[in-house]
Amino acid sequence: SGGGLVQAGGSLRLSCEASGGFSVIHIQGWYRQAPGK
């Protein structure tokens, strides 16, 4: 959540919430993909 439209120079804060059981977290992170890339 947290995506949207913003003007250059502005700020946004993205959040990723997990549900379900798990034992150990090793790595958390973010990727991105633009059209054609």
PDB file of all heavy atoms in Angstrom:
ATOM      1  N   SER A   1       0.844  -1.181   0.000  1.00  0.00           N
ATOM      2  CA  SER A   1       0.000   0.000   0.000  1.00  0.00           C
ATOM      3  C   SER A   1       0.887   1.242   0.000  1.00  0.00           C
ATOM      4  O   SER A   1       2.090   1.158   0.248  1.00  0.00           O
ATOM      5  CB  SER A   1      -0.942   0.019   1.206  1.00  0.00           C
ATOM      6  OG  SER A   1      -0.212   0.069   2.421  1.00  0.00           O
ATOM      7  N   GLY A   2       0.289   2.392  -0.278  1.00  0.00           N
ATOM      8  CA  GLY A   2       1.003   3.653  -0.209  1.00  0.00           C
ATOM      9  C   GLY A   2       1.406   4.247  -1.539  1.00  0.00           C
ATOM     10  O   GLY A   2       1.925   5.374  -1.574  1.00  0.00           O
ATOM     11  N   GLY A   3       1.190   3.527  -2.629  1.00  0.00           N
ATOM     12  CA  GLY A   3       1.519   4.064  -3.930  1.00  0.00           C
ATOM     13  C   GLY A   3       0.557   5.158  -4.347  1.00  0.00           C
ATOM     14  O   GLY A   3      -0.483   5.374  -3.727  1.00  0.00           O
ATOM     15  N   GLY A   4       0.925   5.864  -5.416  1.00  0.00           N
ATOM     16  CA  GLY A   4       0.077   6.932  -5.903  1.00  0.00           C
ATOM     17  C   GLY A   4       0.806   7.831  -6.869  1.00  0.00           C
ATOM     18  O   GLY A   4       1.875   7.495  -7.376  1.00  0.00           O
ATOM     19  N   LEU A   5       0.206   8.983  -7.113  1.00  0.00           N
ATOM     20  CA  LEU A   5       0.750   9.988  -8.021  1.00  0.00           C
ATOM     21  C   LEU A   5       1.355  11.123  -7.212  1.00  0.00           C
ATOM     22  O   LEU A   5       0.705  11.665  -6.311  1.00  0.00           O
ATOM     23  CB  LEU A   5      -0.349  10.517  -8.944  1.00  0.00           C
ATOM     24  CG  LEU A   5       0.024  11.652  -9.887  1.00  0.00           C
ATOM     25  CD1 LEU A   5       1.071  11.197 -10.889  1.00  0.00           C
ATOM     26  CD2 LEU A   5      -1.221  12.168 -10.594  1.00  0.00           C
ATOM     27  N   VAL A   6       2.583  11.493  -7.544  1.00  0.00           N
ATOM     28  CA  VAL A   6       3.269  12.558  -6.825  1.00  0.00           C
ATOM     29  C   VAL A   6       4.114  13.363  -7.806  1.00  0.00           C
ATOM     30  O   VAL A   6       4.573  12.842  -8.825  1.00  0.00           O
ATOM     31  CB  VAL A   6       4.147  11.977  -5.690  1.00  0.00           C
ATOM     32  CG1 VAL A   6       5.288  11.135  -6.264  1.00  0.00           C
ATOM     33  CG2 VAL A   6       4.683  13.075  -4.792  1.00  0.00           C
ATOM     34  N   GLN A   7       4.311  14.630  -7.501  1.00  0.00           N
ATOM     35  CA  GLN A   7       5.131  15.494  -8.334  1.00  0.00           C
ATOM     36  C   GLN A   7       6.611  15.258  -8.052  1.00  0.00           C
ATOM     37  O   GLN A   7       6.994  14.872  -6.943  1.00  0.00           O
ATOM     38  CB  GLN A   7       4.773  16.960  -8.083  1.00  0.00           C
ATOM     39  CG  GLN A   7       5.375  17.935  -9.073  1.00  0.00           C
ATOM     40  CD  GLN A   7       4.850  19.346  -8.880  1.00  0.00           C
ATOM     41  OE1 GLN A   7       3.962  19.590  -8.070  1.00  0.00           O
ATOM     42  NE2 GLN A   7       5.397  20.281  -9.636  1.00  0.00           N
ATOM     43  N   ALA A   8       7.439  15.466  -9.058  1.00  0.00           N
ATOM     44  CA  ALA A   8       8.882  15.317  -8.881  1.00  0.00           C
ATOM     45  C   ALA A   8       9.372  16.142  -7.697  1.00  0.00           C
ATOM     46  O   ALA A   8       8.966  17.295  -7.519  1.00  0.00           O
ATOM     47  CB  ALA A   8       9.613  15.726 -10.154  1.00  0.00           C
ATOM     48  N   GLY A   9      10.247  15.533  -6.896  1.00  0.00           N
ATOM     49  CA  GLY A   9      10.742  16.169  -5.694  1.00  0.00           C
ATOM     50  C   GLY A   9       9.955  15.829  -4.447  1.00  0.00           C
ATOM     51  O   GLY A   9      10.415  16.110  -3.333  1.00  0.00           O
ATOM     52  N   GLY A  10       8.802  15.215  -4.614  1.00  0.00           N
ATOM     53  CA  GLY A  10       7.964  14.850  -3.495  1.00  0.00           C
ATOM     54  C   GLY A  10       8.358  13.531  -2.869  1.00  0.00           C
ATOM     55  O   GLY A  10       9.375  12.925  -3.228  1.00  0.00           O
ATOM     56  N   SER A  11       7.525  13.069  -1.928  1.00  0.00           N
ATOM     57  CA  SER A  11       7.818  11.860  -1.170  1.00  0.00           C
ATOM     58  C   SER A  11       6.607  10.948  -1.101  1.00  0.00           C
ATOM     59  O   SER A  11       5.458  11.395  -1.161  1.00  0.00           O
ATOM     60  CB  SER A  11       8.255  12.210   0.257  1.00  0.00           C
ATOM     61  OG  SER A  11       9.434  12.985   0.274  1.00  0.00           O
ATOM     62  N   LEU A  12       6.874   9.660  -0.972  1.00  0.00           N
ATOM     63  CA  LEU A  12       5.867   8.645  -0.713  1.00  0.00           C
ATOM     64  C   LEU A  12       6.446   7.621   0.238  1.00  0.00           C
ATOM     65  O   LEU A  12       7.666   7.411   0.270  1.00  0.00           O
ATOM     66  CB  LEU A  12       5.419   7.939  -1.992  1.00  0.00           C
ATOM     67  CG  LEU A  12       4.496   8.679  -2.955  1.00  0.00           C
ATOM     68  CD1 LEU A  12       4.310   7.858  -4.227  1.00  0.00           C
ATOM     69  CD2 LEU A  12       3.150   8.963  -2.306  1.00  0.00           C
ATOM     70  N   ARG A  13       5.564   6.961   0.984  1.00  0.00           N
ATOM     71  CA  ARG A  13       5.980   5.885   1.878  1.00  0.00           C
ATOM     72  C   ARG A  13       5.163   4.644   1.541  1.00  0.00           C
ATOM     73  O   ARG A  13       3.937   4.642   1.680  1.00  0.00           O
ATOM     74  CB  ARG A  13       5.784   6.263   3.341  1.00  0.00           C
ATOM     75  CG  ARG A  13       6.360   5.232   4.325  1.00  0.00           C
ATOM     76  CD  ARG A  13       6.212   5.688   5.770  1.00  0.00           C
ATOM     77  NE  ARG A  13       6.808   4.758   6.715  1.00  0.00           N
ATOM     78  CZ  ARG A  13       8.071   4.802   7.123  1.00  0.00           C
ATOM     79  NH1 ARG A  13       8.892   5.754   6.671  1.00  0.00           N
ATOM     80  NH2 ARG A  13       8.524   3.917   7.990  1.00  0.00           N
ATOM     81  N   LEU A  14       5.846   3.595   1.095  1.00  0.00           N
ATOM     82  CA  LEU A  14       5.213   2.330   0.780  1.00  0.00           C
ATOM     83  C   LEU A  14       5.272   1.406   1.987  1.00  0.00           C
ATOM     84  O   LEU A  14       6.230   1.435   2.762  1.00  0.00           O
ATOM     85  CB  LEU A  14       5.894   1.649  -0.404  1.00  0.00           C
ATOM     86  CG  LEU A  14       6.037   2.454  -1.698  1.00  0.00           C
ATOM     87  CD1 LEU A  14       6.676   1.589  -2.775  1.00  0.00           C
ATOM     88  CD2 LEU A  14       4.690   2.981  -2.154  1.00  0.00           C
ATOM     89  N   SER A  15       4.240   0.579   2.128  1.00  0.00           N
ATOM     90  CA  SER A  15       4.198  -0.373   3.219  1.00  0.00           C
ATOM     91  C   SER A  15       3.781  -1.736   2.689  1.00  0.00           C
ATOM     92  O   SER A  15       2.921  -1.832   1.807  1.00  0.00           O
ATOM     93  CB  SER A  15       3.225   0.077   4.308  1.00  0.00           C
ATOM     94  OG  SER A  15       3.224  -0.820   5.400  1.00  0.00           O
ATOM     95  N   CYS A  16       4.397  -2.782   3.203  1.00  0.00           N
ATOM     96  CA  CYS A  16       4.074  -4.154   2.836  1.00  0.00           C
ATOM     97  C   CYS A  16       3.757  -4.918   4.106  1.00  0.00           C
ATOM     98  O   CYS A  16       4.626  -5.071   4.977  1.00  0.00           O
ATOM     99  CB  CYS A  16       5.246  -4.801   2.090  1.00  0.00           C
ATOM    100  SG  CYS A  16       5.012  -6.546   1.684  1.00  0.00           S
ATOM    101  N   GLU A  17       2.521  -5.406   4.210  1.00  0.00           N
ATOM    102  CA  GLU A  17       2.068  -6.115   5.393  1.00  0.00           C
ATOM    103  C   GLU A  17       1.917  -7.603   5.094  1.00  0.00           C
ATOM    104  O   GLU A  17       1.316  -7.975   4.086  1.00  0.00           O
ATOM    105  CB  GLU A  17       0.751  -5.548   5.893  1.00  0.00           C
ATOM    106  CG  GLU A  17       0.263  -6.181   7.184  1.00  0.00           C
ATOM    107  CD  GLU A  17      -0.979  -5.510   7.732  1.00  0.00           C
ATOM    108  OE1 GLU A  17      -1.479  -4.572   7.090  1.00  0.00           O
ATOM    109  OE2 GLU A  17      -1.444  -5.915   8.811  1.00  0.00           O
ATOM    110  N   ALA A  18       2.436  -8.433   5.972  1.00  0.00           N
ATOM    111  CA  ALA A  18       2.390  -9.880   5.797  1.00  0.00           C
ATOM    112  C   ALA A  18       1.346 -10.511   6.704  1.00  0.00           C
ATOM    113  O   ALA A  18       1.145 -10.081   7.841  1.00  0.00           O
ATOM    114  CB  ALA A  18       3.753 -10.504   6.079  1.00  0.00           C
ATOM    115  N   SER A  19       0.686 -11.553   6.188  1.00  0.00           N
ATOM    116  CA  SER A  19      -0.251 -12.346   6.974  1.00  0.00           C
ATOM    117  C   SER A  19       0.085 -13.818   6.795  1.00  0.00           C
ATOM    118  O   SER A  19       0.635 -14.222   5.773  1.00  0.00           O
ATOM    119  CB  SER A  19      -1.697 -12.078   6.568  1.00  0.00           C
ATOM    120  OG  SER A  19      -1.914 -12.430   5.211  1.00  0.00           O
ATOM    121  N   GLY A  20      -0.266 -14.615   7.781  1.00  0.00           N
ATOM    122  CA  GLY A  20       0.056 -16.026   7.746  1.00  0.00           C
ATOM    123  C   GLY A  20       1.222 -16.355   8.650  1.00  0.00           C
ATOM    124  O   GLY A  20       2.022 -15.481   8.991  1.00  0.00           O
ATOM    125  N   GLY A  21       1.314 -17.604   9.034  1.00  0.00           N
ATOM    126  CA  GLY A  21       2.360 -18.016   9.952  1.00  0.00           C
ATOM    127  C   GLY A  21       3.681 -18.300   9.259  1.00  0.00           C
ATOM    128  O   GLY A  21       3.718 -18.762   8.120  1.00  0.00           O
ATOM    129  N   PHE A  22       4.754 -18.011   9.961  1.00  0.00           N
ATOM    130  CA  PHE A  22       6.092 -18.299   9.476  1.00  0.00           C
ATOM    131  C   PHE A  22       7.027 -18.407  10.670  1.00  0.00           C
ATOM    132  O   PHE A  22       6.706 -17.939  11.768  1.00  0.00           O
ATOM    133  CB  PHE A  22       6.580 -17.233   8.485  1.00  0.00           C
ATOM    134  CG  PHE A  22       6.438 -15.831   8.985  1.00  0.00           C
ATOM    135  CD1 PHE A  22       7.410 -15.254   9.775  1.00  0.00           C
ATOM    136  CD2 PHE A  22       5.319 -15.082   8.659  1.00  0.00           C
ATOM    137  CE1 PHE A  22       7.284 -13.959  10.238  1.00  0.00           C
ATOM    138  CE2 PHE A  22       5.174 -13.779   9.115  1.00  0.00           C
ATOM    139  CZ  PHE A  22       6.160 -13.221   9.909  1.00  0.00           C
ATOM    140  N   SER A  23       8.174 -18.993  10.441  1.00  0.00           N
ATOM    141  CA  SER A  23       9.118 -19.244  11.521  1.00  0.00           C
ATOM    142  C   SER A  23      10.244 -18.229  11.592  1.00  0.00           C
ATOM    143  O   SER A  23      10.522 -17.682  12.656  1.00  0.00           O
ATOM    144  CB  SER A  23       9.702 -20.654  11.387  1.00  0.00           C
ATOM    145  OG  SER A  23       8.706 -21.648  11.480  1.00  0.00           O
ATOM    146  N   VAL A  24      10.897 -17.986  10.450  1.00  0.00           N
ATOM    147  CA  VAL A  24      12.082 -17.141  10.421  1.00  0.00           C
ATOM    148  C   VAL A  24      12.033 -16.224   9.208  1.00  0.00           C
ATOM    149  O   VAL A  24      11.737 -16.665   8.097  1.00  0.00           O
ATOM    150  CB  VAL A  24      13.373 -17.982  10.376  1.00  0.00           C
ATOM    151  CG1 VAL A  24      14.601 -17.079  10.358  1.00  0.00           C
ATOM    152  CG2 VAL A  24      13.441 -18.928  11.568  1.00  0.00           C
ATOM    153  N   ILE A  25      12.329 -14.956   9.423  1.00  0.00           N
ATOM    154  CA  ILE A  25      12.471 -13.993   8.342  1.00  0.00           C
ATOM    155  C   ILE A  25      13.951 -13.819   8.044  1.00  0.00           C
ATOM    156  O   ILE A  25      14.728 -13.493   8.937  1.00  0.00           O
ATOM    157  CB  ILE A  25      11.853 -12.639   8.706  1.00  0.00           C
ATOM    158  CG1 ILE A  25      10.363 -12.789   9.006  1.00  0.00           C
ATOM    159  CG2 ILE A  25      12.078 -11.630   7.580  1.00  0.00           C
ATOM    160  CD1 ILE A  25       9.732 -11.528   9.555  1.00  0.00           C
ATOM    161  N   HIS A  26      14.333 -14.036   6.790  1.00  0.00           N
ATOM    162  CA  HIS A  26      15.726 -13.886   6.382  1.00  0.00           C
ATOM    163  C   HIS A  26      15.976 -12.546   5.692  1.00  0.00           C
ATOM    164  O   HIS A  26      16.899 -11.825   6.059  1.00  0.00           O
ATOM    165  CB  HIS A  26      16.140 -15.023   5.454  1.00  0.00           C
ATOM    166  CG  HIS A  26      15.954 -16.387   6.042  1.00  0.00           C
ATOM    167  ND1 HIS A  26      16.789 -16.883   7.017  1.00  0.00           N
ATOM    168  CD2 HIS A  26      15.030 -17.344   5.801  1.00  0.00           C
ATOM    169  CE1 HIS A  26      16.385 -18.095   7.358  1.00  0.00           C
ATOM    170  NE2 HIS A  26      15.325 -18.400   6.633  1.00  0.00           N
ATOM    171  N   ILE A  27      15.168 -12.228   4.680  1.00  0.00           N
ATOM    172  CA  ILE A  27      15.344 -11.017   3.897  1.00  0.00           C
ATOM    173  C   ILE A  27      13.985 -10.399   3.618  1.00  0.00           C
ATOM    174  O   ILE A  27      13.031 -11.090   3.272  1.00  0.00           O
ATOM    175  CB  ILE A  27      16.063 -11.279   2.555  1.00  0.00           C
ATOM    176  CG1 ILE A  27      17.371 -12.043   2.789  1.00  0.00           C
ATOM    177  CG2 ILE A  27      16.323  -9.975   1.822  1.00  0.00           C
ATOM    178  CD1 ILE A  27      18.029 -12.508   1.502  1.00  0.00           C
ATOM    179  N   GLN A  28      13.901  -9.092   3.740  1.00  0.00           N
ATOM    180  CA  GLN A  28      12.731  -8.323   3.347  1.00  0.00           C
ATOM    181  C   GLN A  28      13.187  -7.225   2.394  1.00  0.00           C
ATOM    182  O   GLN A  28      14.270  -6.661   2.577  1.00  0.00           O
ATOM    183  CB  GLN A  28      12.037  -7.714   4.561  1.00  0.00           C
ATOM    184  CG  GLN A  28      11.486  -8.745   5.534  1.00  0.00           C
ATOM    185  CD  GLN A  28      11.273  -8.194   6.913  1.00  0.00           C
ATOM    186  OE1 GLN A  28      12.228  -7.902   7.627  1.00  0.00           O
ATOM    187  NE2 GLN A  28      10.000  -8.045   7.299  1.00  0.00           N
ATOM    188  N   GLY A  29      12.374  -6.928   1.381  1.00  0.00           N
ATOM    189  CA  GLY A  29      12.823  -5.915   0.450  1.00  0.00           C
ATOM    190  C   GLY A  29      11.803  -5.515  -0.584  1.00  0.00           C
ATOM    191  O   GLY A  29      10.636  -5.916  -0.534  1.00  0.00           O
ATOM    192  N   TRP A  30      12.277  -4.717  -1.536  1.00  0.00           N
ATOM    193  CA  TRP A  30      11.452  -4.152  -2.579  1.00  0.00           C
ATOM    194  C   TRP A  30      12.135  -4.253  -3.935  1.00  0.00           C
ATOM    195  O   TRP A  30      13.350  -4.009  -4.049  1.00  0.00           O
ATOM    196  CB  TRP A  30      11.156  -2.672  -2.297  1.00  0.00           C
ATOM    197  CG  TRP A  30      10.306  -2.442  -1.097  1.00  0.00           C
ATOM    198  CD1 TRP A  30      10.711  -2.300   0.190  1.00  0.00           C
ATOM    199  CD2 TRP A  30       8.880  -2.329  -1.084  1.00  0.00           C
ATOM    200  NE1 TRP A  30       9.634  -2.103   1.013  1.00  0.00           N
ATOM    201  CE2 TRP A  30       8.498  -2.109   0.261  1.00  0.00           C
ATOM    202  CE3 TRP A  30       7.897  -2.384  -2.070  1.00  0.00           C
ATOM    203  CZ2 TRP A  30       7.165  -1.956   0.636  1.00  0.00           C
ATOM    204  CZ3 TRP A  30       6.569  -2.235  -1.700  1.00  0.00           C
ATOM    205  CH2 TRP A  30       6.219  -2.015  -0.357  1.00  0.00           C
ATOM    206  N   TYR A  31      11.355  -4.605  -4.951  1.00  0.00           N
ATOM    207  CA  TYR A  31      11.753  -4.537  -6.347  1.00  0.00           C
ATOM    208  C   TYR A  31      10.810  -3.589  -7.070  1.00  0.00           C
ATOM    209  O   TYR A  31       9.740  -3.249  -6.558  1.00  0.00           O
ATOM    210  CB  TYR A  31      11.687  -5.914  -7.010  1.00  0.00           C
ATOM    211  CG  TYR A  31      12.882  -6.812  -6.774  1.00  0.00           C
ATOM    212  CD1 TYR A  31      13.130  -7.368  -5.526  1.00  0.00           C
ATOM    213  CD2 TYR A  31      13.752  -7.121  -7.817  1.00  0.00           C
ATOM    214  CE1 TYR A  31      14.216  -8.198  -5.313  1.00  0.00           C
ATOM    215  CE2 TYR A  31      14.841  -7.954  -7.612  1.00  0.00           C
ATOM    216  CZ  TYR A  31      15.065  -8.492  -6.362  1.00  0.00           C
ATOM    217  OH  TYR A  31      16.136  -9.317  -6.165  1.00  0.00           O
ATOM    218  N   ARG A  32      11.200  -3.178  -8.277  1.00  0.00           N
ATOM    219  CA  ARG A  32      10.309  -2.361  -9.092  1.00  0.00           C
ATOM    220  C   ARG A  32      10.492  -2.723 -10.556  1.00  0.00           C
ATOM    221  O   ARG A  32      11.544  -3.197 -10.972  1.00  0.00           O
ATOM    222  CB  ARG A  32      10.554  -0.868  -8.881  1.00  0.00           C
ATOM    223  CG  ARG A  32      11.905  -0.365  -9.381  1.00  0.00           C
ATOM    224  CD  ARG A  32      12.094   1.101  -9.025  1.00  0.00           C
ATOM    225  NE  ARG A  32      13.354   1.633  -9.527  1.00  0.00           N
ATOM    226  CZ  ARG A  32      13.821   2.839  -9.260  1.00  0.00           C
ATOM    227  NH1 ARG A  32      13.108   3.664  -8.483  1.00  0.00           N
ATOM    228  NH2 ARG A  32      14.978   3.247  -9.762  1.00  0.00           N
ATOM    229  N   GLN A  33       9.438  -2.490 -11.335  1.00  0.00           N
ATOM    230  CA  GLN A  33       9.480  -2.772 -12.757  1.00  0.00           C
ATOM    231  C   GLN A  33       8.663  -1.731 -13.503  1.00  0.00           C
ATOM    232  O   GLN A  33       7.464  -1.572 -13.262  1.00  0.00           O
ATOM    233  CB  GLN A  33       8.953  -4.176 -13.065  1.00  0.00           C
ATOM    234  CG  GLN A  33       9.091  -4.572 -14.521  1.00  0.00           C
ATOM    235  CD  GLN A  33       8.751  -6.027 -14.767  1.00  0.00           C
ATOM    236  OE1 GLN A  33       8.027  -6.641 -13.986  1.00  0.00           O
ATOM    237  NE2 GLN A  33       9.281  -6.588 -15.835  1.00  0.00           N
ATOM    238  N   ALA A  34       9.321  -1.024 -14.417  1.00  0.00           N
ATOM    239  CA  ALA A  34       8.670  -0.042 -15.265  1.00  0.00           C
ATOM    240  C   ALA A  34       8.311  -0.689 -16.603  1.00  0.00           C
ATOM    241  O   ALA A  34       8.937  -1.673 -17.010  1.00  0.00           O
ATOM    242  CB  ALA A  34       9.583   1.160 -15.489  1.00  0.00           C
ATOM    243  N   PRO A  35       7.314  -0.154 -17.311  1.00  0.00           N
ATOM    244  CA  PRO A  35       6.943  -0.730 -18.608  1.00  0.00           C
ATOM    245  C   PRO A  35       8.131  -0.803 -19.560  1.00  0.00           C
ATOM    246  O   PRO A  35       8.863   0.177 -19.723  1.00  0.00           O
ATOM    247  CB  PRO A  35       5.874   0.233 -19.123  1.00  0.00           C
ATOM    248  CG  PRO A  35       5.286   0.826 -17.884  1.00  0.00           C
ATOM    249  CD  PRO A  35       6.441   0.956 -16.929  1.00  0.00           C
ATOM    250  N   GLY A  36       8.325  -1.963 -20.168  1.00  0.00           N
ATOM    251  CA  GLY A  36       9.400  -2.156 -21.119  1.00  0.00           C
ATOM    252  C   GLY A  36      10.774  -2.359 -20.510  1.00  0.00           C
ATOM    253  O   GLY A  36      11.755  -2.455 -21.255  1.00  0.00           O
ATOM    254  N   LYS A  37      10.859  -2.426 -19.196  1.00  0.00           N
ATOM    255  CA  LYS A  37      12.138  -2.606 -18.530  1.00  0.00           C
ATOM    256  C   LYS A  37      12.125  -3.847 -17.650  1.00  0.00           C
ATOM    257  O   LYS A  37      11.073  -4.364 -17.291  1.00  0.00           O
ATOM    258  CB  LYS A  37      12.492  -1.377 -17.687  1.00  0.00           C
ATOM    259  CG  LYS A  37      12.698  -0.105 -18.493  1.00  0.00           C
ATOM    260  CD  LYS A  37      13.174   1.030 -17.613  1.00  0.00           C
ATOM    261  CE  LYS A  37      13.436   2.281 -18.420  1.00  0.00           C
ATOM    262  NZ  LYS A  37      13.924   3.398 -17.563  1.00  0.00           N
TER     263      LYS A  37
END
